[in-house]
Amino acid sequence: MNDTPRHAVHVSPVEIAREYGPFDTSDGVAGVTYDGHHIWAATGERLIAVDPDSGQIARSLPRAADAGTAFDGTYLYQLAEARIDKIDPATGAVLASIPAPGQGCDSGMAWADGSLWVGQYRERRIVQIDPATGAVLRTLESDRFVTGVSWVDGELWHGTWEGDDSDLRRIDPDDGRVLERLELPAGVHVSGLESDGSDLFYCGGGRSGLVRAVRRPARAA
């Protein structure tokens, strides 16, 4: 992809609504998802469920959790090195595992329309995969390192993180063109990304150990 867009891209600063943490983890926060009640954060050796109102940890599952996290409405999916685990959030049991498309070089992950969408950081791409087999269904290229991935209201968003800079990007789900960018302050990074289904994104803060809630731009009715 050409680094210089040939179309107008709306750029605006991120509005940070709230910060959660830092949580007591030496591995920081990687993947992030939302189950309608709790923010789930991957923190290396455990998945934690955070109450979005109180900011307190409501649950903790001892599972390998070093990258993206997703929720399909019933189960959690967690990147763990070169595999993706399907996890029962009620018990923490791993119900199935499939190969990760990047074989350990994956970053963010999201669920949408029966598929998993997996970010591949240094490869600068997002791949759609079959959640039962891990088969790659399609690939979208990016011009930035890809971190978290999220779908909301038919929009595909992903986080970026290169050097000291991060932003959130809305991209065309057909060809990967950047349509909109939300810029974060210098030194504020995005690892995982997930929407609350409304007007917020939850962003993993990498080594800071934070999860940040940021405003999603309003859309015309």
Protein backbone atom coordinates (compact mmCIF):
# COMPACT_ATOMS: atom_id res chain seq x y z
CA MET A 1 0.00 0.00 0.00
CA ASN A 2 1.23 3.49 -0.85
CA ASP A 3 2.13 5.44 2.31
CA THR A 4 0.49 8.60 0.89
CA PRO A 5 -3.32 8.33 0.84
CA ARG A 6 -5.00 9.53 -2.37
CA HIS A 7 -8.24 10.39 -0.60
CA ALA A 8 -9.21 12.71 2.21
CA VAL A 9 -8.71 11.21 5.68
CA HIS A 10 -10.41 12.87 8.61
CA VAL A 11 -7.90 13.27 11.47
CA SER A 12 -8.82 14.30 15.01
CA PRO A 13 -7.27 13.97 18.47
CA VAL A 14 -8.42 11.16 20.75
CA GLU A 15 -10.60 12.13 23.70
CA ILE A 16 -9.60 9.97 26.68
CA ALA A 17 -12.69 9.50 28.85
CA ARG A 18 -11.22 7.34 31.62
CA GLU A 19 -8.23 5.25 32.63
CA TYR A 20 -8.34 1.89 34.41
CA GLY A 21 -5.35 0.58 36.35
CA PRO A 22 -2.45 0.33 36.27
CA PHE A 23 -3.01 -3.33 37.05
CA ASP A 24 -0.49 -5.37 38.98
CA THR A 25 1.18 -7.17 36.08
CA SER A 26 4.77 -7.21 34.90
CA ASP A 27 3.62 -7.90 31.32
CA GLY A 28 1.37 -4.86 30.90
CA VAL A 29 -1.91 -5.06 28.99
CA ALA A 30 -2.08 -6.64 25.53
CA GLY A 31 -5.44 -7.81 24.20
CA VAL A 32 -8.72 -6.21 25.27
CA THR A 33 -12.34 -7.23 24.71
CA TYR A 34 -15.77 -6.48 26.21
CA ASP A 35 -18.54 -8.96 27.04
CA GLY A 36 -21.30 -6.45 27.73
CA HIS A 37 -20.56 -6.41 31.46
CA HIS A 38 -16.78 -6.50 31.93
CA ILE A 39 -13.66 -5.32 30.14
CA TRP A 40 -11.38 -8.33 29.66
CA ALA A 41 -7.66 -7.63 29.48
CA ALA A 42 -4.83 -9.99 28.57
CA THR A 43 -1.96 -9.48 31.00
CA GLY A 44 0.55 -12.17 30.11
CA GLU A 45 -0.23 -15.02 32.49
CA ARG A 46 -3.86 -14.24 33.19
CA LEU A 47 -7.03 -12.78 31.79
CA ILE A 48 -8.67 -10.24 34.05
CA ALA A 49 -12.25 -8.99 33.96
CA VAL A 50 -12.57 -5.34 35.01
CA ASP A 51 -15.80 -3.73 36.16
CA PRO A 52 -16.14 -0.64 33.91
CA ASP A 53 -17.98 1.31 36.63
CA SER A 54 -15.75 0.67 39.64
CA GLY A 55 -12.51 -0.07 37.79
CA GLN A 56 -11.92 -3.05 40.08
CA ILE A 57 -10.89 -6.55 38.95
CA ALA A 58 -13.99 -8.72 39.18
CA ARG A 59 -12.44 -12.00 37.99
CA SER A 60 -9.10 -13.46 37.04
CA LEU A 61 -8.45 -16.52 34.87
CA PRO A 62 -4.98 -18.14 34.91
CA ARG A 63 -4.51 -18.45 31.15
CA ALA A 64 -1.65 -17.62 28.79
CA ALA A 65 -2.67 -14.24 27.40
CA ASP A 66 0.12 -12.42 25.63
CA ALA A 67 -1.72 -10.76 22.74
CA GLY A 68 -5.22 -10.17 21.31
CA THR A 69 -8.51 -11.12 22.95
CA ALA A 70 -11.99 -11.45 21.43
CA PHE A 71 -15.53 -12.34 22.57
CA ASP A 72 -18.16 -13.97 20.34
CA GLY A 73 -21.14 -13.40 22.62
CA THR A 74 -20.52 -16.63 24.56
CA TYR A 75 -16.82 -17.52 24.56
CA LEU A 76 -13.50 -15.73 24.82
CA TYR A 77 -10.77 -16.22 22.24
CA GLN A 78 -7.21 -15.59 23.35
CA LEU A 79 -3.94 -15.41 21.43
CA ALA A 80 -1.29 -17.38 23.27
CA GLU A 81 1.99 -17.48 21.34
CA ALA A 82 1.36 -19.56 18.20
CA ARG A 83 -2.23 -20.61 18.99
CA ILE A 84 -5.68 -19.20 19.69
CA ASP A 85 -7.53 -20.67 22.68
CA LYS A 86 -11.32 -20.76 22.92
CA ILE A 87 -12.13 -20.21 26.60
CA ASP A 88 -15.29 -20.63 28.66
CA PRO A 89 -15.39 -17.36 30.65
CA ALA A 90 -17.48 -18.97 33.39
CA THR A 91 -14.96 -21.70 34.23
CA GLY A 92 -11.74 -20.62 32.50
CA ALA A 93 -11.57 -23.97 30.71
CA VAL A 94 -9.92 -24.09 27.29
CA LEU A 95 -12.50 -25.73 25.02
CA ALA A 96 -10.49 -25.80 21.79
CA SER A 97 -7.35 -24.39 20.18
CA ILE A 98 -6.44 -23.50 16.61
CA PRO A 99 -3.15 -22.32 15.04
CA ALA A 100 -2.67 -18.56 15.04
CA PRO A 101 -2.21 -17.26 11.48
CA GLY A 102 1.03 -15.45 12.30
CA GLN A 103 2.53 -18.42 14.18
CA GLY A 104 3.31 -16.30 17.22
CA CYS A 105 3.68 -12.92 15.47
CA ASP A 106 0.03 -11.89 15.91
CA SER A 107 -1.21 -8.86 17.83
CA GLY A 108 -4.88 -7.83 18.19
CA MET A 109 -8.04 -9.85 17.60
CA ALA A 110 -11.76 -9.22 17.15
CA TRP A 111 -14.93 -11.21 16.44
CA ALA A 112 -17.39 -10.22 13.72
CA ASP A 113 -19.99 -12.09 11.66
CA GLY A 114 -18.79 -15.55 12.56
CA SER A 115 -15.08 -14.88 11.94
CA LEU A 116 -12.01 -13.88 13.89
CA TRP A 117 -10.06 -10.88 12.61
CA VAL A 118 -6.41 -11.04 13.67
CA GLY A 119 -3.86 -8.25 13.51
CA GLN A 120 -0.31 -9.08 12.53
CA TYR A 121 1.96 -6.41 13.96
CA ARG A 122 5.16 -6.22 11.92
CA GLU A 123 3.54 -7.72 8.83
CA ARG A 124 1.22 -4.66 8.84
CA ARG A 125 -1.94 -6.54 8.03
CA ILE A 126 -5.24 -7.92 9.33
CA VAL A 127 -6.40 -11.42 8.42
CA GLN A 128 -9.90 -12.86 8.65
CA ILE A 129 -9.86 -16.50 9.78
CA ASP A 130 -12.26 -19.38 10.35
CA PRO A 131 -12.60 -19.72 14.17
CA ALA A 132 -13.03 -23.49 13.92
CA THR A 133 -10.00 -24.30 11.78
CA GLY A 134 -7.78 -21.21 11.65
CA ALA A 135 -7.99 -21.15 7.84
CA VAL A 136 -7.25 -17.69 6.41
CA LEU A 137 -10.26 -16.31 4.52
CA ARG A 138 -8.91 -12.92 3.43
CA THR A 139 -6.12 -10.42 4.12
CA LEU A 140 -6.13 -6.62 4.41
CA GLU A 141 -2.82 -4.76 4.14
CA SER A 142 -1.93 -1.70 6.23
CA ASP A 143 0.88 0.86 6.03
CA ARG A 144 1.45 0.87 9.80
CA PHE A 145 2.23 -1.72 12.48
CA VAL A 146 -1.14 -3.21 13.48
CA THR A 147 -2.06 -3.74 17.14
CA GLY A 148 -5.67 -4.08 18.36
CA VAL A 149 -8.61 -4.73 16.03
CA SER A 150 -12.31 -3.95 16.54
CA TRP A 151 -15.58 -4.04 14.61
CA VAL A 152 -18.48 -1.76 15.62
CA ASP A 153 -21.61 -0.78 13.67
CA GLY A 154 -20.14 -2.21 10.47
CA GLU A 155 -16.90 -0.21 10.88
CA LEU A 156 -13.48 -1.88 11.04
CA TRP A 157 -10.96 -0.13 13.29
CA HIS A 158 -7.42 -0.99 14.28
CA GLY A 159 -4.74 0.44 16.52
CA THR A 160 -1.20 1.30 15.45
CA TRP A 161 2.00 1.64 17.43
CA GLU A 162 5.31 2.65 15.90
CA GLY A 163 8.02 4.21 18.01
CA ASP A 164 6.44 6.84 20.23
CA ASP A 165 3.31 7.23 18.10
CA SER A 166 -0.06 5.49 18.15
CA ASP A 167 -3.42 6.14 16.57
CA LEU A 168 -6.77 4.47 15.91
CA ARG A 169 -7.73 4.00 12.29
CA ARG A 170 -11.06 3.28 10.64
CA ILE A 171 -10.38 1.42 7.43
CA ASP A 172 -12.40 0.26 4.47
CA PRO A 173 -13.14 -3.44 5.15
CA ASP A 174 -12.98 -4.20 1.43
CA ASP A 175 -9.60 -2.77 0.50
CA GLY A 176 -7.96 -1.53 3.73
CA ARG A 177 -7.97 2.17 2.77
CA VAL A 178 -7.71 4.51 5.76
CA LEU A 179 -10.93 6.49 6.17
CA GLU A 180 -10.42 8.17 9.54
CA ARG A 181 -7.71 8.58 12.16
CA LEU A 182 -7.80 9.38 15.86
CA GLU A 183 -4.37 10.51 17.09
CA LEU A 184 -3.18 9.72 20.60
CA PRO A 185 -0.80 11.97 22.54
CA ALA A 186 2.90 11.21 22.14
CA GLY A 187 3.93 8.39 24.45
CA VAL A 188 0.38 7.02 24.82
CA HIS A 189 0.28 3.67 23.10
CA VAL A 190 -2.41 1.25 21.93
CA SER A 191 -1.99 -2.50 22.25
CA GLY A 192 -5.45 -4.12 22.40
CA LEU A 193 -8.64 -2.48 21.10
CA GLU A 194 -12.36 -3.15 21.52
CA SER A 195 -15.60 -1.19 21.30
CA ASP A 196 -18.24 -1.21 24.01
CA GLY A 197 -20.82 -1.35 21.22
CA SER A 198 -21.69 2.29 21.80
CA ASP A 199 -19.55 5.43 22.05
CA LEU A 200 -16.35 4.11 23.64
CA PHE A 201 -13.28 2.16 22.63
CA TYR A 202 -11.29 0.30 25.29
CA CYS A 203 -7.58 0.47 24.50
CA GLY A 204 -4.86 -1.64 26.06
CA GLY A 205 -1.95 0.53 27.13
CA GLY A 206 0.94 -1.87 26.68
CA ARG A 207 3.64 -1.70 29.36
CA SER A 208 1.81 1.09 31.20
CA GLY A 209 -0.56 -1.57 32.61
CA LEU A 210 -3.51 0.71 31.83
CA VAL A 211 -6.73 0.29 29.90
CA ARG A 212 -8.01 3.57 28.49
CA ALA A 213 -11.59 4.35 27.47
CA VAL A 214 -11.61 6.77 24.53
CA ARG A 215 -14.53 8.36 22.70
CA ARG A 216 -15.63 7.00 19.35
CA PRO A 217 -16.65 9.81 16.98
CA ALA A 218 -20.39 10.37 16.83
CA ARG A 219 -22.16 9.53 13.60
CA ALA A 220 -25.05 11.43 12.04
CA ALA A 221 -28.43 9.81 12.75
